[in-house]
C-alpha atoms as a PDB file:
ATOM      1  CA  MET A   1       0.119  -0.112  -0.159  1.00  0.00           C
ATOM      2  CA  ARG A   2       1.470   3.505  -1.069  1.00  0.00           C
ATOM      3  CA  LEU A   3       1.710   6.173   1.731  1.00  0.00           C
ATOM      4  CA  ILE A   4       0.786   9.124  -0.041  1.00  0.00           C
ATOM      5  CA  ALA A   5       1.272  12.587   2.201  1.00  0.00           C
ATOM      6  CA  THR A   6      -0.536  15.954   0.690  1.00  0.00           C
ATOM      7  CA  SER A   7       2.099  19.093   1.487  1.00  0.00           C
ATOM      8  CA  CYS A   8       0.715  22.339   1.325  1.00  0.00           C
ATOM      9  CA  GLY A   9       4.003  24.006   1.220  1.00  0.00           C
ATOM     10  CA  ALA A  10       4.519  25.571   5.066  1.00  0.00           C
ATOM     11  CA  TYR A  11       8.152  25.057   6.424  1.00  0.00           C
ATOM     12  CA  TYR A  12       6.805  22.384   8.873  1.00  0.00           C
ATOM     13  CA  HIS A  13       5.473  20.213   6.377  1.00  0.00           C
ATOM     14  CA  ILE A  14       8.796  21.045   4.198  1.00  0.00           C
ATOM     15  CA  GLU A  15      10.744  19.723   7.119  1.00  0.00           C
ATOM     16  CA  THR A  16       8.476  16.695   7.905  1.00  0.00           C
ATOM     17  CA  LEU A  17       7.761  15.453   5.055  1.00  0.00           C
ATOM     18  CA  GLU A  18      10.948  16.072   3.395  1.00  0.00           C
ATOM     19  CA  GLY A  19      13.336  16.140   5.371  1.00  0.00           C
ATOM     20  CA  PRO A  20      16.206  13.308   5.780  1.00  0.00           C
ATOM     21  CA  ARG A  21      14.383  12.142   9.130  1.00  0.00           C
ATOM     22  CA  TYR A  22      11.138  10.771   7.740  1.00  0.00           C
ATOM     23  CA  ALA A  23      11.043  10.902   3.927  1.00  0.00           C
ATOM     24  CA  ALA A  24      11.410   7.436   3.151  1.00  0.00           C
ATOM     25  CA  CYS A  25       8.139   7.140   5.177  1.00  0.00           C
ATOM     26  CA  PHE A  26       6.440   8.368   2.221  1.00  0.00           C
ATOM     27  CA  ASP A  27       5.844   7.276  -1.358  1.00  0.00           C
ATOM     28  CA  ALA A  28       5.051  10.545  -2.560  1.00  0.00           C
ATOM     29  CA  LEU A  29       3.875  14.119  -1.385  1.00  0.00           C
ATOM     30  CA  ILE A  30       1.196  15.863  -3.568  1.00  0.00           C
ATOM     31  CA  ARG A  31      -0.700  18.914  -3.338  1.00  0.00           C
ATOM     32  CA  PRO A  32      -4.225  18.665  -1.829  1.00  0.00           C
ATOM     33  CA  GLU A  33      -5.379  19.816  -5.005  1.00  0.00           C
ATOM     34  CA  GLU A  34      -4.166  16.511  -7.018  1.00  0.00           C
ATOM     35  CA  ILE A  35      -5.823  14.335  -4.091  1.00  0.00           C
ATOM     36  CA  GLY A  36      -8.321  13.747  -7.109  1.00  0.00           C
ATOM     37  CA  SER A  37      -6.191  12.499  -9.737  1.00  0.00           C
ATOM     38  CA  ARG A  38      -3.114  10.910  -7.988  1.00  0.00           C
ATOM     39  CA  LEU A  39      -4.539   9.113  -5.711  1.00  0.00           C
ATOM     40  CA  GLU A  40      -5.031   5.559  -6.530  1.00  0.00           C
ATOM     41  CA  PRO A  41      -7.291   3.005  -5.135  1.00  0.00           C
ATOM     42  CA  GLY A  42      -5.973   1.066  -2.106  1.00  0.00           C
ATOM     43  CA  ASP A  43      -3.764   4.189  -1.414  1.00  0.00           C
ATOM     44  CA  CYS A  44      -3.274   5.286   2.182  1.00  0.00           C
ATOM     45  CA  LEU A  45      -3.705   9.302   1.969  1.00  0.00           C
ATOM     46  CA  PHE A  46      -1.857  11.009   4.857  1.00  0.00           C
ATOM     47  CA  VAL A  47      -2.859  14.796   5.636  1.00  0.00           C
ATOM     48  CA  PRO A  48      -0.291  16.029   7.756  1.00  0.00           C
ATOM     49  CA  CYS A  49      -1.422  18.704  10.809  1.00  0.00           C
ATOM     50  CA  ARG A  50      -2.579  22.143  10.117  1.00  0.00           C
ATOM     51  CA  SER A  51      -3.393  21.191   6.372  1.00  0.00           C
ATOM     52  CA  PRO A  52      -5.564  24.544   5.397  1.00  0.00           C
ATOM     53  CA  ALA A  53      -9.137  23.730   5.523  1.00  0.00           C
ATOM     54  CA  GLN A  54     -10.210  25.966   2.777  1.00  0.00           C
ATOM     55  CA  ARG A  55      -7.583  23.637   0.473  1.00  0.00           C
ATOM     56  CA  MET A  56      -9.147  19.937   1.834  1.00  0.00           C
ATOM     57  CA  ILE A  57     -12.886  21.340   1.560  1.00  0.00           C
ATOM     58  CA  PRO A  58     -13.191  21.042  -2.014  1.00  0.00           C
ATOM     59  CA  GLN A  59     -11.483  17.925  -2.061  1.00  0.00           C
ATOM     60  CA  ALA A  60     -14.009  16.183   0.107  1.00  0.00           C
ATOM     61  CA  PRO A  61     -15.433  14.157  -2.911  1.00  0.00           C
ATOM     62  CA  ALA A  62     -12.344  12.599  -4.216  1.00  0.00           C
ATOM     63  CA  ILE A  63     -11.765  11.448  -0.580  1.00  0.00           C
ATOM     64  CA  ALA A  64     -14.984  10.543   0.014  1.00  0.00           C
ATOM     65  CA  ARG A  65     -14.445   8.229  -3.479  1.00  0.00           C
ATOM     66  CA  HIS A  66     -11.785   6.734  -2.066  1.00  0.00           C
ATOM     67  CA  LEU A  67     -13.378   5.564   1.197  1.00  0.00           C
ATOM     68  CA  ALA A  68     -16.042   4.313  -0.822  1.00  0.00           C
ATOM     69  CA  LEU A  69     -13.370   2.147  -2.426  1.00  0.00           C
ATOM     70  CA  GLY A  70     -12.178   0.874   0.833  1.00  0.00           C
ATOM     71  CA  GLY A  71      -8.986   3.337   0.586  1.00  0.00           C
ATOM     72  CA  THR A  72      -7.591   4.648   4.271  1.00  0.00           C
ATOM     73  CA  VAL A  73      -7.199   8.349   4.945  1.00  0.00           C
ATOM     74  CA  ILE A  74      -4.819   9.289   7.761  1.00  0.00           C
ATOM     75  CA  ALA A  75      -6.298  13.119   9.124  1.00  0.00           C
ATOM     76  CA  MET A  76      -3.940  14.644  11.784  1.00  0.00           C
ATOM     77  CA  GLY A  77      -4.370  17.549  13.961  1.00  0.00           C
ATOM     78  CA  GLU A  78      -6.022  21.024  13.224  1.00  0.00           C
ATOM     79  CA  SER A  79      -6.998  20.161   9.979  1.00  0.00           C
ATOM     80  CA  GLY A  80     -10.409  21.139  10.447  1.00  0.00           C
ATOM     81  CA  SER A  81     -10.909  17.143   8.917  1.00  0.00           C
ATOM     82  CA  GLU A  82     -14.714  17.952  10.657  1.00  0.00           C
ATOM     83  CA  THR A  83     -15.081  19.800   8.000  1.00  0.00           C
ATOM     84  CA  TRP A  84     -13.783  17.237   5.122  1.00  0.00           C
ATOM     85  CA  LEU A  85     -14.202  13.733   6.354  1.00  0.00           C
ATOM     86  CA  PRO A  86     -17.788  12.215   7.261  1.00  0.00           C
ATOM     87  CA  GLY A  87     -19.104  11.030  10.575  1.00  0.00           C
ATOM     88  CA  LEU A  88     -16.791  13.251  12.739  1.00  0.00           C
ATOM     89  CA  ARG A  89     -17.691  15.109  15.435  1.00  0.00           C
ATOM     90  CA  PHE A  90     -15.038  17.463  17.207  1.00  0.00           C
ATOM     91  CA  THR A  91     -14.996  19.863  19.848  1.00  0.00           C
ATOM     92  CA  PRO A  92     -12.209  22.203  20.394  1.00  0.00           C
ATOM     93  CA  ARG A  93     -10.913  23.617  23.699  1.00  0.00           C
ATOM     94  CA  PRO A  94      -8.647  26.303  24.406  1.00  0.00           C
ATOM     95  CA  THR A  95      -5.161  25.450  24.762  1.00  0.00           C
ATOM     96  CA  ASN A  96      -2.885  25.717  27.212  1.00  0.00           C
ATOM     97  CA  TRP A  97       0.620  26.160  26.361  1.00  0.00           C
ATOM     98  CA  TRP A  98       2.731  26.387  29.593  1.00  0.00           C
ATOM     99  CA  TRP A  99       0.956  23.592  31.616  1.00  0.00           C
ATOM    100  CA  TRP A 100       3.943  21.785  32.511  1.00  0.00           C
ATOM    101  CA  LEU A 101       5.213  24.765  34.370  1.00  0.00           C
ATOM    102  CA  ASP A 102       2.574  24.137  37.301  1.00  0.00           C
ATOM    103  CA  ALA A 103       3.918  21.754  39.937  1.00  0.00           C
ATOM    104  CA  GLY A 104       3.071  18.223  39.723  1.00  0.00           C
ATOM    105  CA  ALA A 105       1.586  19.115  35.833  1.00  0.00           C
ATOM    106  CA  ASP A 106      -0.126  15.745  34.140  1.00  0.00           C
ATOM    107  CA  LEU A 107      -1.871  16.736  30.555  1.00  0.00           C
ATOM    108  CA  GLY A 108      -3.255  13.429  31.135  1.00  0.00           C
ATOM    109  CA  VAL A 109      -3.083  11.406  27.957  1.00  0.00           C
ATOM    110  CA  GLN A 110      -4.078   7.718  28.334  1.00  0.00           C
ATOM    111  CA  ILE A 111      -2.863   5.501  25.757  1.00  0.00           C
ATOM    112  CA  GLU A 112      -6.357   3.219  25.729  1.00  0.00           C
ATOM    113  CA  ASN A 113      -4.944   0.718  23.614  1.00  0.00           C
ATOM    114  CA  ARG A 114      -1.312  -0.029  23.902  1.00  0.00           C
ATOM    115  CA  HIS A 115      -1.643  -3.498  22.308  1.00  0.00           C
ATOM    116  CA  HIS A 116      -2.658  -1.616  18.889  1.00  0.00           C
ATOM    117  CA  PRO A 117       0.311  -1.993  16.515  1.00  0.00           C
ATOM    118  CA  LEU A 118       0.387   1.651  15.821  1.00  0.00           C
ATOM    119  CA  MET A 119       0.832   1.985  19.499  1.00  0.00           C
ATOM    120  CA  ALA A 120       4.376  -0.038  19.784  1.00  0.00           C
ATOM    121  CA  GLY A 121       7.224   1.541  21.521  1.00  0.00           C
ATOM    122  CA  LEU A 122       5.223   4.517  22.340  1.00  0.00           C
ATOM    123  CA  GLU A 123       4.385   5.990  26.158  1.00  0.00           C
ATOM    124  CA  ARG A 124       2.402   8.739  27.718  1.00  0.00           C
ATOM    125  CA  GLN A 125       5.230  10.895  27.512  1.00  0.00           C
ATOM    126  CA  ASP A 126       5.247  10.989  24.015  1.00  0.00           C
ATOM    127  CA  VAL A 127       2.078  11.266  23.047  1.00  0.00           C
ATOM    128  CA  THR A 128       2.308  14.417  25.735  1.00  0.00           C
ATOM    129  CA  TRP A 129       2.473  17.784  24.606  1.00  0.00           C
ATOM    130  CA  HIS A 130      -0.811  20.514  23.791  1.00  0.00           C
ATOM    131  CA  LEU A 131      -4.469  19.374  23.924  1.00  0.00           C
ATOM    132  CA  HIS A 132      -6.649  21.124  20.993  1.00  0.00           C
ATOM    133  CA  GLY A 133     -10.153  19.167  21.584  1.00  0.00           C
ATOM    134  CA  HIS A 134     -10.995  16.314  21.458  1.00  0.00           C
ATOM    135  CA  PHE A 135     -13.900  13.713  18.937  1.00  0.00           C
ATOM    136  CA  ASP A 136     -17.035  12.043  19.824  1.00  0.00           C
ATOM    137  CA  PRO A 137     -15.939   8.480  17.686  1.00  0.00           C
ATOM    138  CA  PRO A 138     -19.124   6.858  16.517  1.00  0.00           C
ATOM    139  CA  GLU A 139     -19.784   3.517  17.923  1.00  0.00           C
ATOM    140  CA  GLY A 140     -17.888   0.662  16.822  1.00  0.00           C
ATOM    141  CA  CYS A 141     -14.683   2.621  16.372  1.00  0.00           C
ATOM    142  CA  ASP A 142     -11.246   1.926  17.785  1.00  0.00           C
ATOM    143  CA  VAL A 143      -9.913   4.669  20.218  1.00  0.00           C
ATOM    144  CA  LEU A 144      -6.352   4.403  21.010  1.00  0.00           C
ATOM    145  CA  LEU A 145      -5.850   7.693  22.732  1.00  0.00           C
ATOM    146  CA  ARG A 146      -7.528   9.915  25.454  1.00  0.00           C
ATOM    147  CA  ASP A 147      -7.618  12.761  27.540  1.00  0.00           C
ATOM    148  CA  ARG A 148      -7.889  12.502  31.377  1.00  0.00           C
ATOM    149  CA  ASP A 149     -11.848  12.481  30.904  1.00  0.00           C
ATOM    150  CA  GLY A 150     -12.040   9.682  28.753  1.00  0.00           C
ATOM    151  CA  LEU A 151     -12.530  11.873  25.736  1.00  0.00           C
ATOM    152  CA  ALA A 152     -10.900  10.440  22.000  1.00  0.00           C
ATOM    153  CA  LEU A 153      -7.930  12.205  21.310  1.00  0.00           C
ATOM    154  CA  LEU A 154      -7.186   9.372  18.379  1.00  0.00           C
ATOM    155  CA  TYR A 155      -9.167   6.673  16.974  1.00  0.00           C
ATOM    156  CA  ILE A 156      -9.631   4.171  13.802  1.00  0.00           C
ATOM    157  CA  ASP A 157     -13.306   4.389  12.394  1.00  0.00           C
ATOM    158  CA  GLU A 158     -13.729   1.648  10.136  1.00  0.00           C
ATOM    159  CA  VAL A 159     -17.868   1.606  10.730  1.00  0.00           C
ATOM    160  CA  THR A 160     -18.444   5.114   8.670  1.00  0.00           C
ATOM    161  CA  THR A 161     -17.622   4.222   5.456  1.00  0.00           C
ATOM    162  CA  ALA A 162     -16.315   1.215   3.272  1.00  0.00           C
ATOM    163  CA  GLY A 163     -12.570   2.257   3.768  1.00  0.00           C
ATOM    164  CA  ARG A 164     -10.803   3.352   6.599  1.00  0.00           C
ATOM    165  CA  ILE A 165     -10.257   6.284   8.760  1.00  0.00           C
ATOM    166  CA  LEU A 166      -7.746   7.187  11.207  1.00  0.00           C
ATOM    167  CA  VAL A 167      -8.365  10.802  13.093  1.00  0.00           C
ATOM    168  CA  THR A 168      -6.409  12.742  15.904  1.00  0.00           C
ATOM    169  CA  SER A 169      -6.311  16.083  17.164  1.00  0.00           C
ATOM    170  CA  LEU A 170      -2.285  15.447  18.018  1.00  0.00           C
ATOM    171  CA  ASP A 171      -0.175  18.150  15.996  1.00  0.00           C
ATOM    172  CA  PRO A 172       3.155  15.973  15.498  1.00  0.00           C
ATOM    173  CA  VAL A 173       4.271  17.629  11.984  1.00  0.00           C
ATOM    174  CA  TYR A 174       3.828  21.213  12.900  1.00  0.00           C
ATOM    175  CA  HIS A 175       5.870  20.902  16.723  1.00  0.00           C
ATOM    176  CA  HIS A 176       8.218  18.359  14.813  1.00  0.00           C
ATOM    177  CA  GLY A 177       8.693  20.904  11.667  1.00  0.00           C
ATOM    178  CA  SER A 178       9.291  23.921  14.171  1.00  0.00           C
ATOM    179  CA  HIS A 179      11.659  22.294  16.299  1.00  0.00           C
ATOM    180  CA  PHE A 180       9.638  22.780  19.111  1.00  0.00           C
ATOM    181  CA  MET A 181       8.515  19.993  21.699  1.00  0.00           C
ATOM    182  CA  PRO A 182      10.838  17.128  21.982  1.00  0.00           C
ATOM    183  CA  ALA A 183       7.697  14.771  22.041  1.00  0.00           C
ATOM    184  CA  THR A 184       6.595  15.124  18.687  1.00  0.00           C
ATOM    185  CA  THR A 185       9.725  14.107  17.228  1.00  0.00           C
ATOM    186  CA  ARG A 186       9.799  10.816  19.572  1.00  0.00           C
ATOM    187  CA  PHE A 187       6.469  10.322  18.008  1.00  0.00           C
ATOM    188  CA  LEU A 188       6.628  10.421  14.746  1.00  0.00           C
ATOM    189  CA  ASP A 189       9.667   8.267  15.180  1.00  0.00           C
ATOM    190  CA  ARG A 190       7.753   5.365  16.554  1.00  0.00           C
ATOM    191  CA  PHE A 191       4.408   6.010  14.759  1.00  0.00           C
ATOM    192  CA  LEU A 192       5.296   6.297  11.221  1.00  0.00           C
ATOM    193  CA  PRO A 193       7.278   3.286  10.715  1.00  0.00           C
ATOM    194  CA  ASN A 194       4.115   1.770  12.905  1.00  0.00           C
ATOM    195  CA  LEU A 195       2.225   2.662  10.345  1.00  0.00           C
ATOM    196  CA  ARG A 196       4.092   1.623   7.592  1.00  0.00           C
ATOM    197  CA  ARG A 197       4.012  -1.785   8.999  1.00  0.00           C
ATOM    198  CA  TRP A 198       0.289  -1.254   9.571  1.00  0.00           C
ATOM    199  CA  LEU A 199      -0.400  -0.324   6.611  1.00  0.00           C
ATOM    200  CA  GLY A 200       1.164  -3.456   4.608  1.00  0.00           C
END
């Protein structure tokens, strides 16, 4: 299965998707506007953090067709994925950028399904940096990460469409590409190879 990433040309997309650390994880990079012409059945579409929703919304019909044919879509955080993917219910929250400065601070992120292949090698400190909101997954989805209140931060949906959607509110591509938040680099160091193996 090919792993096809969209890039909007932002510095953090270029650093993460094209830089030597992770470039080999992706089979091709395309612009969002090329999704309809470049995506093939069986491909996995990887939409990185902070992809502008106004560039993704016009691609919703092509993405829906891809899912109807059994394709996979990975939607990372802060990209307005609820506006261009079916079945998503997202609740944003104010972000506490400096929570770790408080004595005994704990953001409360929990790995819900530690045995899932995508979580291999990941620990709580690797999935903890900021929270931007949570999802209300449809019944039957597999939630991999939750916040302290049990709300979904990362889940896999194989019930809404004939395909597979993985969605998260975490934004590691942005922070790694900005050289800000070492946890995000640790996350991608494990998650991207796990993703390649999971896709087969």
